[in-house]
Protein backbone atom coordinates (compact mmCIF):
# COMPACT_ATOMS: atom_id res chain seq x y z
CA UNK A 1 3.47 -99.83 -2.92
CA UNK A 2 6.87 -101.30 -3.45
CA UNK A 3 5.30 -104.77 -3.67
CA UNK A 4 3.01 -103.69 -6.48
CA UNK A 5 5.94 -102.21 -8.41
CA UNK A 6 7.88 -105.46 -8.22
CA UNK A 7 4.81 -107.41 -9.36
CA UNK A 8 4.48 -105.22 -12.47
CA UNK A 9 8.18 -105.63 -13.24
CA UNK A 10 7.81 -109.41 -12.97
CA UNK A 11 4.88 -109.52 -15.36
CA UNK A 12 6.73 -107.40 -17.95
CA UNK A 13 9.80 -109.62 -17.66
CA UNK A 14 7.69 -112.75 -18.20
CA UNK A 15 6.07 -111.26 -21.28
CA UNK A 16 9.43 -110.28 -22.73
CA UNK A 17 10.80 -113.75 -22.14
CA UNK A 18 7.87 -115.36 -23.90
CA UNK A 19 8.44 -113.10 -26.96
CA UNK A 20 12.06 -114.16 -27.19
CA UNK A 21 11.27 -117.91 -27.19
CA UNK A 22 8.18 -117.83 -29.48
CA UNK A 23 9.95 -119.16 -32.63
CA UNK A 24 10.05 -116.14 -34.92
CA UNK A 25 6.81 -114.32 -34.27
CA UNK A 26 8.73 -111.05 -34.34
CA UNK A 27 9.85 -111.90 -37.90
CA UNK A 28 6.25 -111.87 -39.18
CA UNK A 29 5.95 -115.70 -39.79
CA UNK A 30 2.95 -117.41 -38.16
CA UNK A 31 3.92 -120.40 -36.09
CA UNK A 32 2.13 -123.69 -36.65
CA UNK A 33 -0.05 -124.74 -33.74
CA UNK A 34 -1.14 -128.20 -35.11
CA UNK A 35 0.83 -131.41 -35.15
CA UNK A 36 3.61 -131.58 -37.70
CA UNK A 37 2.86 -133.72 -40.77
CA UNK A 38 5.67 -135.41 -42.61
CA UNK A 39 5.23 -135.07 -46.39
CA UNK A 40 6.77 -138.08 -48.14
CA UNK A 41 9.09 -137.34 -50.99
CA UNK A 42 8.32 -138.90 -54.36
CA UNK A 43 10.27 -142.02 -55.09
CA UNK A 44 12.08 -141.81 -58.42
CA UNK A 45 10.97 -144.57 -60.76
CA UNK A 46 13.36 -145.55 -63.51
CA UNK A 47 11.56 -146.73 -66.66
CA UNK A 48 13.52 -149.12 -68.80
CA UNK A 49 12.57 -148.59 -72.44
CA UNK A 50 13.05 -151.36 -74.96
CA UNK A 51 15.89 -150.76 -77.38
CA UNK A 52 14.86 -148.95 -80.55
CA UNK A 53 14.05 -151.29 -83.37
CA UNK A 54 16.80 -151.46 -85.92
CA UNK A 55 15.35 -150.56 -89.33
CA UNK A 56 15.55 -153.29 -91.89
CA UNK A 57 18.11 -152.61 -94.56
CA UNK A 58 16.51 -151.12 -97.65
CA UNK A 59 16.55 -153.21 -100.78
CA UNK A 60 18.73 -151.53 -103.36
CA UNK A 61 16.85 -150.42 -106.43
CA UNK A 62 18.39 -152.07 -109.43
CA UNK A 63 17.60 -150.20 -112.61
CA UNK A 64 16.04 -152.40 -115.23
CA UNK A 65 18.04 -152.96 -118.34
CA UNK A 66 16.92 -150.88 -121.25
CA UNK A 67 14.95 -152.80 -123.81
CA UNK A 68 17.09 -153.84 -126.71
CA UNK A 69 15.83 -153.60 -130.25
CA UNK A 70 16.02 -157.00 -131.87
CA UNK A 71 17.07 -156.94 -135.52
CA UNK A 72 14.19 -157.91 -137.76
CA UNK A 73 15.10 -161.11 -139.57
CA UNK A 74 12.04 -163.15 -140.54
CA UNK A 75 12.39 -166.91 -140.47
CA UNK A 76 13.29 -168.45 -143.81
CA UNK A 77 10.38 -170.84 -143.32
CA UNK A 78 7.85 -168.04 -142.80
CA UNK A 79 5.26 -168.13 -145.59
CA UNK A 80 5.06 -165.39 -148.14
CA UNK A 81 1.34 -164.88 -148.68
CA UNK A 82 -0.87 -162.34 -150.37
CA UNK A 83 -3.42 -162.44 -147.52
CA UNK A 84 -2.89 -162.33 -143.75
CA UNK A 85 -5.30 -162.16 -140.82
CA UNK A 86 -3.54 -161.76 -137.45
CA UNK A 87 -5.29 -161.52 -134.07
CA UNK A 88 -4.00 -159.12 -131.38
CA UNK A 89 -1.33 -160.39 -128.98
CA UNK A 90 -3.60 -159.61 -126.00
CA UNK A 91 -6.97 -157.97 -125.61
CA UNK A 92 -6.88 -154.23 -125.02
CA UNK A 93 -9.47 -151.70 -123.94
CA UNK A 94 -7.76 -148.89 -125.85
CA UNK A 95 -6.78 -148.76 -129.51
CA UNK A 96 -3.11 -149.29 -130.31
CA UNK A 97 -1.22 -146.02 -130.79
CA UNK A 98 0.79 -145.85 -134.00
CA UNK A 99 4.06 -143.98 -133.38
CA UNK A 100 6.11 -144.53 -136.54
CA UNK A 101 6.00 -145.88 -140.09
CA UNK A 102 9.17 -146.75 -141.99
CA UNK A 103 10.03 -148.26 -145.36
CA UNK A 104 13.33 -149.69 -146.57
CA UNK A 105 14.97 -151.83 -149.22
CA UNK A 106 16.24 -155.40 -148.80
CA UNK A 107 18.06 -157.75 -151.15
CA UNK A 108 14.96 -159.89 -151.63
CA UNK A 109 12.45 -157.06 -151.79
CA UNK A 110 11.20 -154.23 -149.58
CA UNK A 111 10.28 -153.76 -145.93
CA UNK A 112 7.47 -151.84 -144.20
CA UNK A 113 7.53 -151.31 -140.45
CA UNK A 114 4.59 -150.12 -138.34
CA UNK A 115 5.65 -149.24 -134.79
CA UNK A 116 3.22 -148.91 -131.88
CA UNK A 117 3.35 -147.65 -128.31
CA UNK A 118 2.97 -150.14 -125.47
CA UNK A 119 3.30 -153.92 -125.51
CA UNK A 120 0.20 -154.94 -127.43
CA UNK A 121 0.59 -156.12 -131.02
CA UNK A 122 -2.68 -154.99 -132.60
CA UNK A 123 -4.86 -157.11 -134.81
CA UNK A 124 -4.41 -156.56 -138.53
CA UNK A 125 -5.23 -158.06 -141.89
CA UNK A 126 -3.54 -157.76 -145.28
CA UNK A 127 -5.45 -158.35 -148.51
CA UNK A 128 -4.98 -157.60 -152.21
CA UNK A 129 -6.81 -154.45 -153.25
CA UNK A 130 -7.86 -152.66 -156.39
CA UNK A 131 -8.27 -148.92 -157.11
CA UNK A 132 -9.94 -146.53 -156.93
CA UNK A 133 -9.10 -145.78 -153.31
CA UNK A 134 -10.99 -143.30 -151.15
CA UNK A 135 -10.21 -141.71 -147.83
CA UNK A 136 -12.07 -142.94 -144.76
CA UNK A 137 -14.33 -141.22 -143.76
CA UNK A 138 -14.47 -138.29 -146.18
CA UNK A 139 -14.87 -140.48 -149.27
CA UNK A 140 -12.43 -138.27 -151.18
CA UNK A 141 -10.25 -140.05 -153.74
CA UNK A 142 -6.72 -141.03 -152.69
CA UNK A 143 -4.00 -141.65 -155.26
CA UNK A 144 -1.73 -144.62 -154.57
CA UNK A 145 1.07 -144.99 -157.15
CA UNK A 146 1.77 -148.56 -158.24
CA UNK A 147 0.60 -151.42 -160.48
CA UNK A 148 -0.51 -153.89 -157.80
CA UNK A 149 -1.81 -153.13 -154.31
CA UNK A 150 -2.03 -154.54 -150.81
CA UNK A 151 -4.44 -153.16 -148.24
CA UNK A 152 -3.06 -153.14 -144.65
CA UNK A 153 -5.91 -152.76 -142.20
CA UNK A 154 -5.69 -152.29 -138.39
CA UNK A 155 -9.27 -152.54 -137.03
CA UNK A 156 -8.38 -151.21 -133.53
CA UNK A 157 -5.52 -148.75 -133.94
CA UNK A 158 -4.98 -145.07 -134.57
CA UNK A 159 -2.21 -142.59 -135.25
CA UNK A 160 -4.23 -139.52 -134.31
CA UNK A 161 -2.42 -138.89 -131.03
CA UNK A 162 1.10 -140.28 -131.40
CA UNK A 163 1.98 -140.34 -135.12
CA UNK A 164 3.11 -137.10 -136.74
CA UNK A 165 4.88 -138.57 -139.76
CA UNK A 166 3.87 -138.32 -143.42
CA UNK A 167 0.68 -139.85 -144.77
CA UNK A 168 2.49 -141.08 -147.90
CA UNK A 169 5.95 -142.62 -148.29
CA UNK A 170 7.89 -143.56 -151.42
CA UNK A 171 9.40 -147.02 -151.73
CA UNK A 172 13.14 -147.41 -151.35
CA UNK A 173 13.65 -150.60 -153.39
CA UNK A 174 12.66 -152.16 -156.68
CA UNK A 175 9.32 -153.60 -155.55
CA UNK A 176 7.53 -151.11 -153.28
CA UNK A 177 6.45 -147.99 -155.13
CA UNK A 178 4.43 -146.21 -152.44
CA UNK A 179 2.75 -146.58 -149.04
CA UNK A 180 -0.25 -144.30 -148.51
CA UNK A 181 -2.59 -143.86 -145.54
CA UNK A 182 -6.18 -144.11 -146.72
CA UNK A 183 -7.96 -143.93 -143.38
CA UNK A 184 -7.62 -143.16 -139.67
CA UNK A 185 -11.14 -142.81 -138.36
CA UNK A 186 -12.87 -144.09 -135.23
CA UNK A 187 -9.87 -146.26 -134.27
CA UNK A 188 -9.71 -147.92 -137.67
CA UNK A 189 -6.37 -147.42 -139.43
CA UNK A 190 -5.75 -148.30 -143.09
CA UNK A 191 -2.71 -148.02 -145.36
CA UNK A 192 -2.32 -149.19 -148.95
CA UNK A 193 0.98 -150.39 -150.38
CA UNK A 194 1.48 -149.90 -154.11
CA UNK A 195 3.99 -152.25 -155.72
CA UNK A 196 5.60 -152.50 -159.13
CA UNK A 197 4.17 -156.01 -159.60
CA UNK A 198 2.13 -158.46 -157.53
CA UNK A 199 3.79 -159.12 -154.20
CA UNK A 200 3.51 -161.52 -151.29
CA UNK A 201 4.31 -160.64 -147.67
CA UNK A 202 6.20 -162.29 -144.84
CA UNK A 203 4.96 -160.93 -141.51
CA UNK A 204 6.98 -160.67 -138.31
CA UNK A 205 5.70 -159.16 -135.05
CA UNK A 206 8.25 -157.90 -132.54
CA UNK A 207 8.30 -156.14 -129.19
CA UNK A 208 10.53 -153.64 -127.37
CA UNK A 209 9.37 -151.63 -129.23
CA UNK A 210 6.18 -153.19 -130.58
CA UNK A 211 6.38 -153.56 -134.34
CA UNK A 212 4.55 -155.18 -137.20
CA UNK A 213 7.09 -155.86 -139.95
CA UNK A 214 6.09 -156.63 -143.52
CA UNK A 215 8.74 -158.00 -145.89
CA UNK A 216 7.56 -157.83 -149.48
CA UNK A 217 8.79 -160.17 -152.19
CA UNK A 218 7.66 -160.79 -155.78
CA UNK A 219 4.68 -163.15 -155.81
CA UNK A 220 5.81 -164.99 -158.98
């Protein structure tokens, strides 16, 4: 009986000893029973990036010089004729836009200036004319004061969009009496200059801005 008691005590002691050396079972964590596996740590890889490209220096924007207006002084050798037929400076798909009409007096006679938008000098012709004058395209009569007349015809120009000046101007000198618009229809522009006596014209074309300059002088 005593031997059996000691055997039971020995078994209990062995069980207790195993619980104390089991590696944390009493803490609720399950022990690993398989072989331990070493998990390699990732090797840090340093990536060398190329240096950032240096932006090219920007080209400074130099403002263009404003266009200067050249004084209108026709050459002394320019002919003074009663008829002119001048082709356009370059071909254009759109009619020239008349922006201004001016008249003025000079020592030798009178000046008429037709100013246009853009860089294209439009085609034009100048011919002697006789009344009566009618308005294109209504056919209504147009009065042009004067004793002799010059018709100034621009076959591919208009003032419908850009010109808001008068349709008739009085001369400022002794020769030009009046300048009257007689037509602006379907890109055909016509003015008639009335003079005190027959006149010839020296023509100068200029740019910046684009101008057709007529200098009138007595024809005799």
